[in-house]
Amino acid sequence: MLLRQEQRRPRRAAFTLMEMLVVVAIIVALAGIGGFFLMDQLRGGQKDAARLKAGSLTQACKAYYIKHSNWPDSLQQLTQKDPEYNIQYLENEDALKDPWGGLFNYDKSGGNNKGNQPDISCKAPDGEIIGNWPRLK
């Protein structure tokens, strides 16, 4: 008599489509949450970069003031070679651009700095004015 051997199915060694979709959905959700917080940090970093750049433009204006005993008429004047002293205070026009590609604003009278130095500022995409004067907290 022949005994029938039960055929066993081989055990599966792969993931089902549903399992894969759940894993992909979790990864997408985590990436979306992480991207949201990362973009907020990027915006804050651009504002910090604008403050630092305004500070470096202020330093270039102070160097000009030391040589000429008056503030420059415009920031563009700092990118041109000074014929009297044969120096250039800023390398090129790119130094006058804020992190968003616009030009920094310049006010020689320095109203926000109580007249001690010129006001140098730019406007962030969210409307915040960023300048070289002390921030109020």
N, C-alpha and C. Protein backbone atom coordinates (compact mmCIF):
# COMPACT_ATOMS: atom_id res chain seq x y z
N MET A 1 0.82 -1.15 0.00
CA MET A 1 0.00 0.00 0.00
C MET A 1 0.89 1.24 0.00
N LEU A 2 0.48 2.11 -0.79
CA LEU A 2 1.23 3.34 -0.93
C LEU A 2 0.70 4.39 0.03
N LEU A 3 1.57 4.93 0.74
CA LEU A 3 1.17 6.02 1.63
C LEU A 3 1.39 7.34 0.93
N ARG A 4 0.36 8.08 1.03
CA ARG A 4 0.50 9.41 0.41
C ARG A 4 1.23 10.33 1.34
N GLN A 5 2.21 10.91 0.80
CA GLN A 5 2.90 11.90 1.59
C GLN A 5 2.24 13.24 1.37
N GLU A 6 2.03 13.88 2.48
CA GLU A 6 1.43 15.22 2.36
C GLU A 6 2.48 16.17 1.83
N GLN A 7 2.05 16.87 0.86
CA GLN A 7 2.97 17.86 0.31
C GLN A 7 2.84 19.14 1.13
N ARG A 8 3.91 19.54 1.62
CA ARG A 8 3.92 20.80 2.38
C ARG A 8 4.30 21.93 1.44
N ARG A 9 3.58 22.99 1.64
CA ARG A 9 3.94 24.18 0.86
C ARG A 9 5.18 24.81 1.48
N PRO A 10 6.04 25.30 0.64
CA PRO A 10 7.21 25.97 1.20
C PRO A 10 6.78 27.28 1.88
N ARG A 11 7.43 27.58 2.92
CA ARG A 11 7.11 28.79 3.66
C ARG A 11 7.53 30.01 2.86
N ARG A 12 6.68 31.03 2.87
CA ARG A 12 7.00 32.22 2.08
C ARG A 12 8.11 33.01 2.76
N ALA A 13 8.94 33.66 1.96
CA ALA A 13 10.08 34.39 2.50
C ALA A 13 10.06 35.85 2.04
N ALA A 14 8.92 36.35 1.67
CA ALA A 14 8.84 37.74 1.17
C ALA A 14 7.74 38.49 1.91
N PHE A 15 7.74 39.81 1.72
CA PHE A 15 6.71 40.64 2.32
C PHE A 15 5.53 40.76 1.37
N THR A 16 4.35 40.96 1.93
CA THR A 16 3.18 41.16 1.09
C THR A 16 3.14 42.62 0.64
N LEU A 17 2.34 42.87 -0.35
CA LEU A 17 2.21 44.23 -0.86
C LEU A 17 1.67 45.17 0.23
N MET A 18 0.75 44.69 1.03
CA MET A 18 0.18 45.52 2.10
C MET A 18 1.25 45.89 3.13
N GLU A 19 2.09 44.97 3.49
CA GLU A 19 3.16 45.27 4.43
C GLU A 19 4.11 46.32 3.86
N MET A 20 4.43 46.19 2.61
CA MET A 20 5.32 47.17 1.97
C MET A 20 4.67 48.56 1.93
N LEU A 21 3.39 48.63 1.63
CA LEU A 21 2.70 49.92 1.58
C LEU A 21 2.65 50.58 2.96
N VAL A 22 2.46 49.81 4.00
CA VAL A 22 2.45 50.37 5.36
C VAL A 22 3.82 50.94 5.70
N VAL A 23 4.88 50.23 5.38
CA VAL A 23 6.23 50.72 5.65
C VAL A 23 6.51 52.00 4.87
N VAL A 24 6.15 52.03 3.61
CA VAL A 24 6.36 53.23 2.78
C VAL A 24 5.56 54.40 3.34
N ALA A 25 4.33 54.17 3.77
CA ALA A 25 3.51 55.24 4.34
C ALA A 25 4.13 55.80 5.61
N ILE A 26 4.69 54.95 6.44
CA ILE A 26 5.35 55.42 7.67
C ILE A 26 6.58 56.25 7.32
N ILE A 27 7.37 55.81 6.37
CA ILE A 27 8.56 56.56 5.96
C ILE A 27 8.18 57.91 5.39
N VAL A 28 7.16 57.97 4.56
CA VAL A 28 6.72 59.24 3.97
C VAL A 28 6.22 60.19 5.06
N ALA A 29 5.47 59.67 6.02
CA ALA A 29 4.97 60.52 7.10
C ALA A 29 6.12 61.08 7.94
N LEU A 30 7.10 60.26 8.27
CA LEU A 30 8.25 60.74 9.03
C LEU A 30 9.07 61.76 8.25
N ALA A 31 9.24 61.53 6.96
CA ALA A 31 9.98 62.48 6.14
C ALA A 31 9.23 63.81 6.03
N GLY A 32 7.92 63.76 5.93
CA GLY A 32 7.13 64.99 5.87
C GLY A 32 7.23 65.80 7.14
N ILE A 33 7.16 65.14 8.27
CA ILE A 33 7.28 65.83 9.56
C ILE A 33 8.68 66.40 9.71
N GLY A 34 9.69 65.61 9.39
CA GLY A 34 11.07 66.09 9.47
C GLY A 34 11.33 67.25 8.53
N GLY A 35 10.79 67.19 7.32
CA GLY A 35 10.95 68.27 6.35
C GLY A 35 10.32 69.56 6.83
N PHE A 36 9.18 69.46 7.50
CA PHE A 36 8.51 70.65 8.02
C PHE A 36 9.40 71.37 9.02
N PHE A 37 9.98 70.61 9.95
CA PHE A 37 10.85 71.23 10.96
C PHE A 37 12.16 71.70 10.35
N LEU A 38 12.67 70.98 9.37
CA LEU A 38 13.91 71.36 8.71
C LEU A 38 13.74 72.68 7.96
N MET A 39 12.61 72.87 7.29
CA MET A 39 12.37 74.12 6.54
C MET A 39 12.29 75.30 7.50
N ASP A 40 11.72 75.09 8.67
CA ASP A 40 11.65 76.17 9.67
C ASP A 40 13.05 76.56 10.11
N GLN A 41 13.92 75.59 10.30
CA GLN A 41 15.30 75.87 10.67
C GLN A 41 16.04 76.59 9.54
N LEU A 42 15.75 76.23 8.32
CA LEU A 42 16.37 76.89 7.17
C LEU A 42 15.99 78.37 7.12
N ARG A 43 14.71 78.66 7.35
CA ARG A 43 14.27 80.06 7.35
C ARG A 43 14.98 80.85 8.46
N GLY A 44 15.10 80.25 9.62
CA GLY A 44 15.80 80.90 10.73
C GLY A 44 17.28 81.11 10.40
N GLY A 45 17.88 80.16 9.72
CA GLY A 45 19.28 80.28 9.32
C GLY A 45 19.49 81.39 8.32
N GLN A 46 18.54 81.56 7.40
CA GLN A 46 18.66 82.64 6.42
C GLN A 46 18.55 83.99 7.11
N LYS A 47 17.70 84.10 8.11
CA LYS A 47 17.58 85.36 8.85
C LYS A 47 18.86 85.66 9.61
N ASP A 48 19.46 84.63 10.20
CA ASP A 48 20.73 84.82 10.90
C ASP A 48 21.83 85.24 9.93
N ALA A 49 21.83 84.62 8.75
CA ALA A 49 22.81 84.99 7.73
C ALA A 49 22.63 86.45 7.30
N ALA A 50 21.38 86.90 7.20
CA ALA A 50 21.11 88.29 6.83
C ALA A 50 21.63 89.24 7.91
N ARG A 51 21.45 88.88 9.17
CA ARG A 51 21.97 89.73 10.27
C ARG A 51 23.49 89.81 10.22
N LEU A 52 24.13 88.67 9.98
CA LEU A 52 25.59 88.65 9.90
C LEU A 52 26.10 89.47 8.71
N LYS A 53 25.41 89.34 7.59
CA LYS A 53 25.83 90.09 6.40
C LYS A 53 25.63 91.59 6.60
N ALA A 54 24.54 91.97 7.26
CA ALA A 54 24.33 93.39 7.57
C ALA A 54 25.44 93.89 8.48
N GLY A 55 25.88 93.05 9.40
CA GLY A 55 26.98 93.41 10.29
C GLY A 55 28.29 93.59 9.53
N SER A 56 28.55 92.72 8.56
CA SER A 56 29.79 92.86 7.79
C SER A 56 29.74 94.09 6.89
N LEU A 57 28.56 94.42 6.37
CA LEU A 57 28.43 95.66 5.58
C LEU A 57 28.64 96.88 6.48
N THR A 58 28.20 96.78 7.72
CA THR A 58 28.42 97.87 8.68
C THR A 58 29.91 98.05 8.92
N GLN A 59 30.63 96.94 9.04
CA GLN A 59 32.08 97.03 9.26
C GLN A 59 32.78 97.67 8.07
N ALA A 60 32.32 97.36 6.86
CA ALA A 60 32.90 98.00 5.67
C ALA A 60 32.61 99.50 5.68
N CYS A 61 31.41 99.88 6.12
CA CYS A 61 31.06 101.30 6.22
C CYS A 61 31.94 102.00 7.26
N LYS A 62 32.21 101.31 8.37
CA LYS A 62 33.06 101.89 9.41
C LYS A 62 34.49 102.08 8.90
N ALA A 63 34.99 101.13 8.11
CA ALA A 63 36.32 101.27 7.53
C ALA A 63 36.36 102.49 6.60
N TYR A 64 35.29 102.66 5.83
CA TYR A 64 35.18 103.84 4.95
C TYR A 64 35.16 105.12 5.79
N TYR A 65 34.42 105.10 6.88
CA TYR A 65 34.30 106.27 7.75
C TYR A 65 35.65 106.66 8.36
N ILE A 66 36.43 105.66 8.73
CA ILE A 66 37.75 105.92 9.32
C ILE A 66 38.64 106.66 8.31
N LYS A 67 38.56 106.27 7.06
CA LYS A 67 39.40 106.89 6.03
C LYS A 67 38.90 108.28 5.61
N HIS A 68 37.57 108.46 5.55
CA HIS A 68 37.00 109.67 4.95
C HIS A 68 36.29 110.60 5.93
N SER A 69 36.12 110.19 7.16
CA SER A 69 35.42 110.98 8.20
C SER A 69 33.96 111.26 7.85
N ASN A 70 33.37 110.49 6.98
CA ASN A 70 31.93 110.54 6.71
C ASN A 70 31.51 109.17 6.16
N TRP A 71 30.21 108.90 6.24
CA TRP A 71 29.68 107.61 5.78
C TRP A 71 29.55 107.62 4.27
N PRO A 72 29.64 106.45 3.63
CA PRO A 72 29.47 106.41 2.17
C PRO A 72 28.05 106.83 1.78
N ASP A 73 27.91 107.38 0.57
CA ASP A 73 26.59 107.80 0.09
C ASP A 73 25.70 106.61 -0.24
N SER A 74 26.30 105.49 -0.63
CA SER A 74 25.54 104.28 -0.94
C SER A 74 26.43 103.07 -0.70
N LEU A 75 25.83 101.91 -0.62
CA LEU A 75 26.61 100.69 -0.44
C LEU A 75 27.41 100.36 -1.69
N GLN A 76 26.90 100.75 -2.87
CA GLN A 76 27.61 100.49 -4.11
C GLN A 76 28.97 101.20 -4.12
N GLN A 77 29.07 102.28 -3.41
CA GLN A 77 30.33 103.02 -3.34
C GLN A 77 31.43 102.16 -2.70
N LEU A 78 31.04 101.21 -1.86
CA LEU A 78 32.01 100.34 -1.20
C LEU A 78 32.59 99.28 -2.13
N THR A 79 31.92 99.01 -3.25
CA THR A 79 32.40 98.00 -4.19
C THR A 79 33.33 98.60 -5.25
N GLN A 80 33.43 99.90 -5.29
CA GLN A 80 34.31 100.56 -6.26
C GLN A 80 35.65 100.88 -5.61
N LYS A 81 36.68 100.89 -6.41
CA LYS A 81 38.01 101.19 -5.89
C LYS A 81 38.08 102.64 -5.46
N ASP A 82 38.55 102.86 -4.24
CA ASP A 82 38.70 104.21 -3.70
C ASP A 82 39.95 104.84 -4.31
N PRO A 83 39.79 105.88 -5.14
CA PRO A 83 40.96 106.45 -5.82
C PRO A 83 41.96 107.09 -4.86
N GLU A 84 41.47 107.60 -3.74
CA GLU A 84 42.35 108.29 -2.81
C GLU A 84 43.28 107.32 -2.07
N TYR A 85 42.73 106.17 -1.66
CA TYR A 85 43.51 105.21 -0.87
C TYR A 85 43.85 103.93 -1.64
N ASN A 86 43.36 103.82 -2.85
CA ASN A 86 43.61 102.67 -3.72
C ASN A 86 43.19 101.34 -3.06
N ILE A 87 42.03 101.35 -2.39
CA ILE A 87 41.49 100.14 -1.78
C ILE A 87 40.03 99.98 -2.18
N GLN A 88 39.55 98.77 -2.06
CA GLN A 88 38.16 98.44 -2.32
C GLN A 88 37.61 97.80 -1.04
N TYR A 89 36.54 98.34 -0.49
CA TYR A 89 36.04 97.90 0.80
C TYR A 89 35.26 96.58 0.72
N LEU A 90 34.60 96.34 -0.42
CA LEU A 90 33.89 95.08 -0.65
C LEU A 90 34.35 94.51 -1.98
N GLU A 91 34.41 93.18 -2.06
CA GLU A 91 34.92 92.53 -3.25
C GLU A 91 34.09 92.79 -4.50
N ASN A 92 32.77 92.58 -4.39
CA ASN A 92 31.92 92.72 -5.58
C ASN A 92 30.48 93.03 -5.18
N GLU A 93 29.63 93.16 -6.17
CA GLU A 93 28.21 93.51 -5.95
C GLU A 93 27.45 92.41 -5.21
N ASP A 94 27.93 91.18 -5.28
CA ASP A 94 27.24 90.08 -4.58
C ASP A 94 27.24 90.28 -3.07
N ALA A 95 28.20 91.02 -2.55
CA ALA A 95 28.26 91.28 -1.11
C ALA A 95 27.10 92.16 -0.66
N LEU A 96 26.43 92.81 -1.60
CA LEU A 96 25.31 93.70 -1.27
C LEU A 96 23.96 93.00 -1.30
N LYS A 97 23.95 91.69 -1.60
CA LYS A 97 22.69 90.95 -1.72
C LYS A 97 22.38 90.21 -0.43
N ASP A 98 21.10 90.22 -0.07
CA ASP A 98 20.65 89.47 1.10
C ASP A 98 20.49 87.99 0.73
N PRO A 99 20.23 87.10 1.70
CA PRO A 99 20.12 85.67 1.40
C PRO A 99 18.99 85.31 0.43
N TRP A 100 18.04 86.22 0.21
CA TRP A 100 16.92 85.95 -0.69
C TRP A 100 17.14 86.56 -2.07
N GLY A 101 18.32 87.14 -2.30
CA GLY A 101 18.66 87.66 -3.62
C GLY A 101 18.38 89.14 -3.83
N GLY A 102 17.75 89.80 -2.87
CA GLY A 102 17.50 91.24 -2.99
C GLY A 102 18.69 92.04 -2.48
N LEU A 103 18.66 93.34 -2.73
CA LEU A 103 19.73 94.21 -2.25
C LEU A 103 19.40 94.73 -0.85
N PHE A 104 20.43 94.93 -0.05
CA PHE A 104 20.24 95.52 1.26
C PHE A 104 19.86 96.99 1.11
N ASN A 105 19.03 97.46 2.01
CA ASN A 105 18.65 98.88 2.05
C ASN A 105 19.69 99.63 2.88
N TYR A 106 19.92 100.88 2.53
CA TYR A 106 20.94 101.68 3.20
C TYR A 106 20.36 103.04 3.52
N ASP A 107 20.48 103.44 4.79
CA ASP A 107 20.06 104.76 5.23
C ASP A 107 21.22 105.40 5.97
N LYS A 108 21.81 106.38 5.32
CA LYS A 108 23.00 107.04 5.85
C LYS A 108 22.74 107.74 7.19
N SER A 109 21.50 108.21 7.41
CA SER A 109 21.20 108.96 8.64
C SER A 109 21.19 108.06 9.88
N GLY A 110 20.91 106.79 9.73
CA GLY A 110 20.98 105.85 10.85
C GLY A 110 19.96 106.07 11.94
N GLY A 111 18.70 106.25 11.59
CA GLY A 111 17.65 106.50 12.57
C GLY A 111 17.47 105.38 13.58
N ASN A 112 17.58 104.14 13.16
CA ASN A 112 17.43 103.01 14.08
C ASN A 112 18.66 102.81 14.96
N ASN A 113 19.79 103.35 14.54
CA ASN A 113 21.03 103.24 15.30
C ASN A 113 21.36 104.54 16.04
N LYS A 114 20.37 105.38 16.22
CA LYS A 114 20.50 106.66 16.93
C LYS A 114 21.57 107.55 16.31
N GLY A 115 21.77 107.44 15.01
CA GLY A 115 22.72 108.28 14.30
C GLY A 115 24.17 107.89 14.48
N ASN A 116 24.45 106.81 15.20
CA ASN A 116 25.84 106.39 15.44
C ASN A 116 26.46 105.69 14.24
N GLN A 117 25.64 105.09 13.42
CA GLN A 117 26.10 104.40 12.20
C GLN A 117 24.92 104.30 11.26
N PRO A 118 25.16 104.08 9.97
CA PRO A 118 24.04 103.99 9.04
C PRO A 118 23.21 102.72 9.27
N ASP A 119 21.94 102.80 8.88
CA ASP A 119 21.06 101.63 8.96
C ASP A 119 21.23 100.79 7.70
N ILE A 120 21.46 99.51 7.89
CA ILE A 120 21.54 98.56 6.78
C ILE A 120 20.54 97.47 7.08
N SER A 121 19.61 97.24 6.15
CA SER A 121 18.53 96.29 6.44
C SER A 121 18.06 95.59 5.18
N CYS A 122 17.27 94.54 5.40
CA CYS A 122 16.60 93.84 4.31
C CYS A 122 15.28 93.31 4.85
N LYS A 123 14.45 92.84 3.94
CA LYS A 123 13.13 92.33 4.32
C LYS A 123 13.06 90.84 4.01
N ALA A 124 12.75 90.05 5.04
CA ALA A 124 12.59 88.60 4.87
C ALA A 124 11.27 88.32 4.14
N PRO A 125 11.15 87.16 3.52
CA PRO A 125 9.90 86.82 2.81
C PRO A 125 8.66 86.86 3.69
N ASP A 126 8.82 86.65 5.01
CA ASP A 126 7.65 86.71 5.90
C ASP A 126 7.34 88.13 6.36
N GLY A 127 8.09 89.12 5.85
CA GLY A 127 7.81 90.52 6.15
C GLY A 127 8.65 91.11 7.27
N GLU A 128 9.43 90.29 7.96
CA GLU A 128 10.25 90.79 9.05
C GLU A 128 11.40 91.65 8.50
N ILE A 129 11.63 92.80 9.11
CA ILE A 129 12.74 93.66 8.74
C ILE A 129 13.95 93.25 9.57
N ILE A 130 15.04 92.93 8.90
CA ILE A 130 16.26 92.49 9.55
C ILE A 130 17.32 93.56 9.30
N GLY A 131 17.90 94.08 10.38
CA GLY A 131 18.87 95.15 10.21
C GLY A 131 20.05 95.05 11.16
N ASN A 132 20.91 96.05 11.09
CA ASN A 132 22.13 96.06 11.88
C ASN A 132 21.97 96.78 13.21
N TRP A 133 20.74 97.00 13.66
CA TRP A 133 20.48 97.63 14.94
C TRP A 133 20.11 96.56 15.96
N PRO A 134 20.23 96.86 17.24
CA PRO A 134 19.90 95.86 18.27
C PRO A 134 18.43 95.42 18.19
N ARG A 135 18.21 94.13 18.34
CA ARG A 135 16.85 93.58 18.30
C ARG A 135 16.18 93.75 19.66
N LEU A 136 14.91 94.05 19.63
CA LEU A 136 14.12 94.10 20.86
C LEU A 136 13.55 92.73 21.11
N LYS A 137 13.61 92.28 22.34
CA LYS A 137 13.09 90.93 22.63
C LYS A 137 11.75 91.00 23.26
